[in-house]
Amino acid sequence: MSAQALANLGEGQIAYVRAIRSDDLSRLFPQAPALQPGLDLFALLGADGTPILVTDSRNAAIANAWENDLTPVSVH
């Protein structure tokens, strides 16, 4: 399976939750305001890596996935 095919697998159905640091926020979410460095955050991303939202709570990221009819999976 190609990398592109793998990235499209689950598109529109699956989203993944990934722990990030506020230092990395601008890379995933360029429009996000600057935050204090060193904060632990959680990003919800589409199956293809498209950023959906960022929050300070893993549970909030998962709840948002369910609210948008996406099946959340965690990436460690």
C-alpha atoms as a PDB file:
ATOM      1  CA  MET A   1       0.000   0.000   0.000  1.00  0.00           C
ATOM      2  CA  SER A   2       1.405   3.406  -0.919  1.00  0.00           C
ATOM      3  CA  ALA A   3       1.884   6.138   1.664  1.00  0.00           C
ATOM      4  CA  GLN A   4      -0.883   8.158  -0.027  1.00  0.00           C
ATOM      5  CA  ALA A   5      -3.297   5.220   0.040  1.00  0.00           C
ATOM      6  CA  LEU A   6      -2.535   4.688   3.717  1.00  0.00           C
ATOM      7  CA  ALA A   7      -3.103   8.385   4.445  1.00  0.00           C
ATOM      8  CA  ASN A   8      -6.512   8.242   2.731  1.00  0.00           C
ATOM      9  CA  LEU A   9      -7.571   5.104   4.581  1.00  0.00           C
ATOM     10  CA  GLY A  10     -10.446   6.038   6.847  1.00  0.00           C
ATOM     11  CA  GLU A  11     -10.770   9.552   5.457  1.00  0.00           C
ATOM     12  CA  GLY A  12     -14.005  11.093   6.707  1.00  0.00           C
ATOM     13  CA  GLN A  13     -14.480   8.250   9.188  1.00  0.00           C
ATOM     14  CA  ILE A  14     -11.405   8.117  11.420  1.00  0.00           C
ATOM     15  CA  ALA A  15      -9.546  10.839  13.279  1.00  0.00           C
ATOM     16  CA  TYR A  16      -6.588  10.456  15.542  1.00  0.00           C
ATOM     17  CA  VAL A  17      -5.711  12.095  18.817  1.00  0.00           C
ATOM     18  CA  ARG A  18      -2.079  13.007  19.279  1.00  0.00           C
ATOM     19  CA  ALA A  19      -0.362  14.566  22.271  1.00  0.00           C
ATOM     20  CA  ILE A  20       1.598  17.675  21.279  1.00  0.00           C
ATOM     21  CA  ARG A  21       3.456  20.469  23.040  1.00  0.00           C
ATOM     22  CA  SER A  22       2.488  24.111  22.634  1.00  0.00           C
ATOM     23  CA  ASP A  23       5.951  24.594  21.083  1.00  0.00           C
ATOM     24  CA  ASP A  24       4.748  22.499  18.088  1.00  0.00           C
ATOM     25  CA  LEU A  25       1.345  24.161  17.768  1.00  0.00           C
ATOM     26  CA  SER A  26       2.226  26.557  14.952  1.00  0.00           C
ATOM     27  CA  ARG A  27       3.524  23.704  12.785  1.00  0.00           C
ATOM     28  CA  LEU A  28       0.176  21.868  12.869  1.00  0.00           C
ATOM     29  CA  PHE A  29      -2.109  24.879  13.317  1.00  0.00           C
ATOM     30  CA  PRO A  30      -0.453  27.914  11.651  1.00  0.00           C
ATOM     31  CA  GLN A  31      -3.405  30.212  12.423  1.00  0.00           C
ATOM     32  CA  ALA A  32      -3.370  29.430  16.152  1.00  0.00           C
ATOM     33  CA  PRO A  33      -2.312  32.200  18.502  1.00  0.00           C
ATOM     34  CA  ALA A  34       1.018  31.886  20.269  1.00  0.00           C
ATOM     35  CA  LEU A  35       0.785  30.037  23.571  1.00  0.00           C
ATOM     36  CA  GLN A  36       3.085  29.743  26.519  1.00  0.00           C
ATOM     37  CA  PRO A  37       5.871  27.271  25.664  1.00  0.00           C
ATOM     38  CA  GLY A  38       5.879  23.858  27.318  1.00  0.00           C
ATOM     39  CA  LEU A  39       2.131  23.269  27.608  1.00  0.00           C
ATOM     40  CA  ASP A  40       0.792  19.753  27.035  1.00  0.00           C
ATOM     41  CA  LEU A  41      -1.997  19.770  24.440  1.00  0.00           C
ATOM     42  CA  PHE A  42      -3.947  17.291  22.341  1.00  0.00           C
ATOM     43  CA  ALA A  43      -4.520  17.603  18.606  1.00  0.00           C
ATOM     44  CA  LEU A  44      -7.349  15.956  16.713  1.00  0.00           C
ATOM     45  CA  LEU A  45      -6.305  15.226  13.140  1.00  0.00           C
ATOM     46  CA  GLY A  46      -8.088  13.653  10.209  1.00  0.00           C
ATOM     47  CA  ALA A  47      -6.958  10.251   8.950  1.00  0.00           C
ATOM     48  CA  ASP A  48      -4.818  12.043   6.356  1.00  0.00           C
ATOM     49  CA  GLY A  49      -3.220  14.326   8.969  1.00  0.00           C
ATOM     50  CA  THR A  50      -5.430  17.344   8.365  1.00  0.00           C
ATOM     51  CA  PRO A  51      -5.646  19.370  11.612  1.00  0.00           C
ATOM     52  CA  ILE A  52      -9.151  19.571  13.047  1.00  0.00           C
ATOM     53  CA  LEU A  53      -8.726  21.043  16.525  1.00  0.00           C
ATOM     54  CA  VAL A  54      -6.404  21.459  19.458  1.00  0.00           C
ATOM     55  CA  THR A  55      -7.378  21.333  23.119  1.00  0.00           C
ATOM     56  CA  ASP A  56      -5.841  20.908  26.541  1.00  0.00           C
ATOM     57  CA  SER A  57      -7.919  17.789  27.227  1.00  0.00           C
ATOM     58  CA  ARG A  58      -7.662  14.368  25.596  1.00  0.00           C
ATOM     59  CA  ASN A  59     -11.309  13.743  26.512  1.00  0.00           C
ATOM     60  CA  ALA A  60     -12.397  16.944  24.743  1.00  0.00           C
ATOM     61  CA  ALA A  61     -10.558  15.890  21.581  1.00  0.00           C
ATOM     62  CA  ILE A  62     -12.245  12.470  21.668  1.00  0.00           C
ATOM     63  CA  ALA A  63     -15.668  13.997  22.342  1.00  0.00           C
ATOM     64  CA  ASN A  64     -15.243  16.341  19.374  1.00  0.00           C
ATOM     65  CA  ALA A  65     -14.411  13.393  17.127  1.00  0.00           C
ATOM     66  CA  TRP A  66     -17.590  11.579  18.200  1.00  0.00           C
ATOM     67  CA  GLU A  67     -19.663  14.760  17.772  1.00  0.00           C
ATOM     68  CA  ASN A  68     -18.442  14.955  14.173  1.00  0.00           C
ATOM     69  CA  ASP A  69     -19.185  11.290  13.437  1.00  0.00           C
ATOM     70  CA  LEU A  70     -15.484  10.362  13.423  1.00  0.00           C
ATOM     71  CA  THR A  71     -14.048   7.315  15.160  1.00  0.00           C
ATOM     72  CA  PRO A  72     -11.150   8.493  17.312  1.00  0.00           C
ATOM     73  CA  VAL A  73      -7.917   6.540  17.650  1.00  0.00           C
ATOM     74  CA  SER A  74      -4.894   7.484  19.728  1.00  0.00           C
ATOM     75  CA  VAL A  75      -1.358   7.833  18.428  1.00  0.00           C
ATOM     76  CA  HIS A  76       1.451   7.484  20.930  1.00  0.00           C
END
